[in-house]
Every structure is written in C-alpha cells, then in structure tokens.
Amino acid sequence: MNAVLISILQFINLIIGLYIWVVIIAALITWVQPNPYNPIVRFLYAVTEPVYAFIRRYIPTNFGGFDIAPIIVILALQFLQILINNIIASLYG
C-alpha cells in the first residue's frame, strides 16, 4: 500500500514541478509583446490565469506595475512540494 501512495505522491510532485515551469515561462513571456493568437501563448494564459485570479482575489499583487502573482504561486507550489517530499520520506522510513 505504501508503494502505491508513494507513486501517487511522486506523480503529484512531478505535475507540480511541471506547473512551476509553466508559470515561469508564462511570466517570462509577458516581458515581450507576445502574439495573443499564438496557441502557446493562449495555452499559457488559459493554464495560469485562473490561478493568478484566485491569488489576486485575496492578495493585492500589483506593486508599481510589477505583478507578483507568479512569485506567490511558485512559492506556494514549492512549499507544497516540500510537504509532499517530507511525506514521501516519512513513508520510506
């Protein structure tokens, strides 16, 4: 049973790591003028904007024209990864 739970937690950890990279790429692409009709830009917007909107609902994220919503999302996801890694470590030991 532990092996199944560990596998599921490792898969969730992998998905979180991939989403962190999506957030980073989406944040970097906003520094240039992306074509809003590009499928990659539309995908990045569709995947990240609902999470940003959730964060913006509770925390003001614009400071001097700089949006810190991606930073908050990345920090929260890294905290979640640390928590999952600690659970995996406790299941091994």
N, C-alpha and C. Protein backbone atom coordinates (compact mmCIF):
# COMPACT_ATOMS: atom_id res chain seq x y z
N MET A 1 0.82 -1.20 0.00
CA MET A 1 0.00 0.00 0.00
C MET A 1 0.86 1.26 0.00
N ASN A 2 1.97 1.24 0.75
CA ASN A 2 2.86 2.40 0.78
C ASN A 2 3.44 2.69 -0.59
N ALA A 3 3.73 1.64 -1.36
CA ALA A 3 4.32 1.84 -2.68
C ALA A 3 3.37 2.58 -3.61
N VAL A 4 2.09 2.27 -3.52
CA VAL A 4 1.09 2.95 -4.35
C VAL A 4 0.97 4.42 -3.93
N LEU A 5 0.91 4.66 -2.63
CA LEU A 5 0.82 6.02 -2.13
C LEU A 5 2.06 6.83 -2.50
N ILE A 6 3.23 6.23 -2.38
CA ILE A 6 4.47 6.92 -2.75
C ILE A 6 4.46 7.25 -4.24
N SER A 7 4.01 6.33 -5.06
CA SER A 7 3.95 6.57 -6.51
C SER A 7 3.00 7.71 -6.84
N ILE A 8 1.85 7.73 -6.19
CA ILE A 8 0.89 8.80 -6.42
C ILE A 8 1.47 10.15 -6.00
N LEU A 9 2.11 10.18 -4.83
CA LEU A 9 2.71 11.43 -4.35
C LEU A 9 3.85 11.89 -5.25
N GLN A 10 4.65 10.95 -5.77
CA GLN A 10 5.72 11.32 -6.70
C GLN A 10 5.14 11.86 -8.00
N PHE A 11 4.03 11.30 -8.47
CA PHE A 11 3.38 11.81 -9.68
C PHE A 11 2.84 13.22 -9.45
N ILE A 12 2.21 13.45 -8.30
CA ILE A 12 1.72 14.79 -7.96
C ILE A 12 2.88 15.77 -7.88
N ASN A 13 4.00 15.33 -7.31
CA ASN A 13 5.19 16.17 -7.21
C ASN A 13 5.72 16.53 -8.60
N LEU A 14 5.68 15.56 -9.52
CA LEU A 14 6.11 15.82 -10.90
C LEU A 14 5.20 16.84 -11.58
N ILE A 15 3.90 16.70 -11.40
CA ILE A 15 2.94 17.64 -12.00
C ILE A 15 3.15 19.05 -11.44
N ILE A 16 3.39 19.14 -10.14
CA ILE A 16 3.65 20.45 -9.54
C ILE A 16 4.93 21.06 -10.12
N GLY A 17 5.98 20.24 -10.28
CA GLY A 17 7.22 20.74 -10.87
C GLY A 17 7.02 21.23 -12.30
N LEU A 18 6.23 20.51 -13.08
CA LEU A 18 5.93 20.95 -14.45
C LEU A 18 5.14 22.25 -14.45
N TYR A 19 4.19 22.37 -13.53
CA TYR A 19 3.39 23.59 -13.47
C TYR A 19 4.23 24.79 -13.04
N ILE A 20 5.20 24.57 -12.18
CA ILE A 20 6.12 25.66 -11.81
C ILE A 20 6.83 26.17 -13.06
N TRP A 21 7.29 25.25 -13.93
CA TRP A 21 7.95 25.67 -15.16
C TRP A 21 6.98 26.40 -16.09
N VAL A 22 5.72 26.00 -16.12
CA VAL A 22 4.73 26.70 -16.94
C VAL A 22 4.55 28.12 -16.42
N VAL A 23 4.49 28.28 -15.11
CA VAL A 23 4.34 29.62 -14.51
C VAL A 23 5.56 30.48 -14.84
N ILE A 24 6.75 29.91 -14.76
CA ILE A 24 7.97 30.66 -15.07
C ILE A 24 7.97 31.09 -16.54
N ILE A 25 7.64 30.17 -17.43
CA ILE A 25 7.61 30.50 -18.87
C ILE A 25 6.55 31.56 -19.15
N ALA A 26 5.38 31.42 -18.53
CA ALA A 26 4.31 32.41 -18.74
C ALA A 26 4.73 33.79 -18.22
N ALA A 27 5.44 33.82 -17.10
CA ALA A 27 5.90 35.11 -16.57
C ALA A 27 6.96 35.72 -17.47
N LEU A 28 7.87 34.89 -17.98
CA LEU A 28 8.91 35.41 -18.87
C LEU A 28 8.35 35.91 -20.19
N ILE A 29 7.33 35.24 -20.68
CA ILE A 29 6.79 35.62 -21.99
C ILE A 29 6.02 36.94 -21.92
N THR A 30 5.60 37.33 -20.71
CA THR A 30 4.90 38.61 -20.59
C THR A 30 5.85 39.80 -20.70
N TRP A 31 7.15 39.57 -20.62
CA TRP A 31 8.11 40.65 -20.73
C TRP A 31 8.25 41.14 -22.16
N VAL A 32 7.86 40.32 -23.12
CA VAL A 32 7.86 40.72 -24.52
C VAL A 32 6.41 40.91 -24.95
N GLN A 33 6.19 41.37 -26.15
CA GLN A 33 4.84 41.53 -26.65
C GLN A 33 4.43 40.27 -27.40
N PRO A 34 3.87 39.28 -26.68
CA PRO A 34 3.51 38.04 -27.37
C PRO A 34 2.27 38.23 -28.23
N ASN A 35 2.19 37.46 -29.29
CA ASN A 35 1.02 37.45 -30.13
C ASN A 35 -0.10 36.75 -29.38
N PRO A 36 -1.21 37.45 -29.08
CA PRO A 36 -2.26 36.81 -28.29
C PRO A 36 -2.98 35.67 -29.02
N TYR A 37 -2.77 35.55 -30.32
CA TYR A 37 -3.41 34.48 -31.08
C TYR A 37 -2.51 33.25 -31.23
N ASN A 38 -1.29 33.34 -30.72
CA ASN A 38 -0.39 32.20 -30.76
C ASN A 38 -0.93 31.10 -29.84
N PRO A 39 -1.00 29.85 -30.31
CA PRO A 39 -1.56 28.79 -29.48
C PRO A 39 -0.80 28.55 -28.18
N ILE A 40 0.51 28.73 -28.20
CA ILE A 40 1.29 28.54 -26.98
C ILE A 40 0.96 29.63 -25.97
N VAL A 41 0.86 30.86 -26.42
CA VAL A 41 0.52 31.97 -25.53
C VAL A 41 -0.88 31.77 -24.97
N ARG A 42 -1.80 31.34 -25.80
CA ARG A 42 -3.18 31.10 -25.34
C ARG A 42 -3.22 29.97 -24.31
N PHE A 43 -2.42 28.91 -24.54
CA PHE A 43 -2.36 27.80 -23.59
C PHE A 43 -1.80 28.28 -22.25
N LEU A 44 -0.69 29.03 -22.29
CA LEU A 44 -0.09 29.52 -21.05
C LEU A 44 -1.06 30.42 -20.29
N TYR A 45 -1.77 31.26 -21.02
CA TYR A 45 -2.75 32.15 -20.39
C TYR A 45 -3.89 31.34 -19.78
N ALA A 46 -4.38 30.35 -20.51
CA ALA A 46 -5.50 29.54 -20.02
C ALA A 46 -5.13 28.71 -18.80
N VAL A 47 -3.89 28.30 -18.71
CA VAL A 47 -3.47 27.44 -17.61
C VAL A 47 -3.09 28.25 -16.37
N THR A 48 -2.54 29.43 -16.55
CA THR A 48 -2.06 30.19 -15.40
C THR A 48 -3.03 31.25 -14.90
N GLU A 49 -3.81 31.83 -15.77
CA GLU A 49 -4.65 32.96 -15.36
C GLU A 49 -5.71 32.60 -14.31
N PRO A 50 -6.33 31.41 -14.34
CA PRO A 50 -7.27 31.11 -13.25
C PRO A 50 -6.61 31.06 -11.87
N VAL A 51 -5.39 30.58 -11.81
CA VAL A 51 -4.67 30.54 -10.53
C VAL A 51 -4.29 31.94 -10.11
N TYR A 52 -3.83 32.75 -11.06
CA TYR A 52 -3.50 34.15 -10.75
C TYR A 52 -4.74 34.89 -10.25
N ALA A 53 -5.88 34.67 -10.89
CA ALA A 53 -7.11 35.35 -10.50
C ALA A 53 -7.51 34.96 -9.07
N PHE A 54 -7.32 33.71 -8.72
CA PHE A 54 -7.61 33.26 -7.36
C PHE A 54 -6.71 33.98 -6.35
N ILE A 55 -5.43 34.09 -6.67
CA ILE A 55 -4.48 34.79 -5.78
C ILE A 55 -4.84 36.27 -5.70
N ARG A 56 -5.15 36.88 -6.83
CA ARG A 56 -5.46 38.32 -6.86
C ARG A 56 -6.74 38.65 -6.11
N ARG A 57 -7.62 37.68 -5.98
CA ARG A 57 -8.87 37.91 -5.26
C ARG A 57 -8.60 38.18 -3.78
N TYR A 58 -7.56 37.58 -3.23
CA TYR A 58 -7.29 37.68 -1.80
C TYR A 58 -6.07 38.55 -1.46
N ILE A 59 -5.14 38.69 -2.38
CA ILE A 59 -3.91 39.42 -2.11
C ILE A 59 -3.69 40.45 -3.22
N PRO A 60 -3.45 41.71 -2.88
CA PRO A 60 -3.09 42.67 -3.93
C PRO A 60 -1.69 42.33 -4.48
N THR A 61 -1.60 42.12 -5.78
CA THR A 61 -0.35 41.63 -6.35
C THR A 61 0.35 42.63 -7.26
N ASN A 62 -0.23 43.79 -7.50
CA ASN A 62 0.42 44.77 -8.36
C ASN A 62 1.11 45.82 -7.51
N PHE A 63 2.44 45.88 -7.68
CA PHE A 63 3.24 46.85 -6.96
C PHE A 63 4.09 47.61 -7.97
N GLY A 64 3.72 48.84 -8.23
CA GLY A 64 4.47 49.67 -9.15
C GLY A 64 4.52 49.11 -10.56
N GLY A 65 3.44 48.51 -11.00
CA GLY A 65 3.40 47.94 -12.35
C GLY A 65 4.00 46.55 -12.44
N PHE A 66 4.42 46.00 -11.31
CA PHE A 66 5.02 44.66 -11.29
C PHE A 66 4.05 43.72 -10.60
N ASP A 67 3.69 42.64 -11.29
CA ASP A 67 2.75 41.66 -10.77
C ASP A 67 3.51 40.54 -10.07
N ILE A 68 3.23 40.36 -8.78
CA ILE A 68 3.94 39.31 -8.03
C ILE A 68 3.12 38.03 -7.90
N ALA A 69 2.00 37.92 -8.60
CA ALA A 69 1.18 36.71 -8.53
C ALA A 69 1.97 35.46 -8.93
N PRO A 70 2.80 35.49 -10.01
CA PRO A 70 3.59 34.29 -10.32
C PRO A 70 4.56 33.91 -9.20
N ILE A 71 5.13 34.88 -8.53
CA ILE A 71 6.06 34.59 -7.44
C ILE A 71 5.32 33.93 -6.28
N ILE A 72 4.14 34.42 -5.97
CA ILE A 72 3.34 33.82 -4.90
C ILE A 72 2.95 32.39 -5.25
N VAL A 73 2.56 32.17 -6.50
CA VAL A 73 2.18 30.82 -6.94
C VAL A 73 3.38 29.88 -6.85
N ILE A 74 4.53 30.33 -7.31
CA ILE A 74 5.73 29.48 -7.28
C ILE A 74 6.11 29.14 -5.84
N LEU A 75 6.08 30.13 -4.96
CA LEU A 75 6.42 29.87 -3.55
C LEU A 75 5.44 28.90 -2.90
N ALA A 76 4.16 29.06 -3.20
CA ALA A 76 3.16 28.14 -2.64
C ALA A 76 3.36 26.73 -3.18
N LEU A 77 3.66 26.61 -4.46
CA LEU A 77 3.88 25.29 -5.04
C LEU A 77 5.16 24.64 -4.51
N GLN A 78 6.19 25.43 -4.29
CA GLN A 78 7.41 24.87 -3.72
C GLN A 78 7.19 24.42 -2.28
N PHE A 79 6.39 25.16 -1.52
CA PHE A 79 6.04 24.73 -0.18
C PHE A 79 5.29 23.40 -0.23
N LEU A 80 4.36 23.28 -1.18
CA LEU A 80 3.62 22.03 -1.35
C LEU A 80 4.55 20.88 -1.74
N GLN A 81 5.53 21.15 -2.59
CA GLN A 81 6.50 20.11 -2.96
C GLN A 81 7.32 19.67 -1.75
N ILE A 82 7.73 20.60 -0.92
CA ILE A 82 8.48 20.24 0.29
C ILE A 82 7.63 19.38 1.20
N LEU A 83 6.37 19.73 1.36
CA LEU A 83 5.46 18.95 2.18
C LEU A 83 5.30 17.53 1.62
N ILE A 84 5.12 17.41 0.32
CA ILE A 84 4.98 16.09 -0.30
C ILE A 84 6.26 15.29 -0.15
N ASN A 85 7.41 15.93 -0.35
CA ASN A 85 8.69 15.22 -0.19
C ASN A 85 8.89 14.73 1.23
N ASN A 86 8.46 15.51 2.22
CA ASN A 86 8.56 15.07 3.62
C ASN A 86 7.64 13.90 3.89
N ILE A 87 6.46 13.90 3.29
CA ILE A 87 5.55 12.77 3.46
C ILE A 87 6.15 11.52 2.81
N ILE A 88 6.72 11.68 1.63
CA ILE A 88 7.35 10.52 0.96
C ILE A 88 8.50 9.99 1.80
N ALA A 89 9.31 10.89 2.34
CA ALA A 89 10.44 10.46 3.17
C ALA A 89 9.97 9.72 4.42
N SER A 90 8.88 10.18 5.01
CA SER A 90 8.37 9.51 6.21
C SER A 90 7.77 8.14 5.85
N LEU A 91 7.25 7.98 4.65
CA LEU A 91 6.72 6.69 4.25
C LEU A 91 7.82 5.69 3.96
N TYR A 92 8.97 6.19 3.48
CA TYR A 92 10.11 5.30 3.25
C TYR A 92 10.71 4.82 4.56
N GLY A 93 10.77 5.71 5.54
CA GLY A 93 11.48 5.39 6.77
C GLY A 93 10.59 4.83 7.77
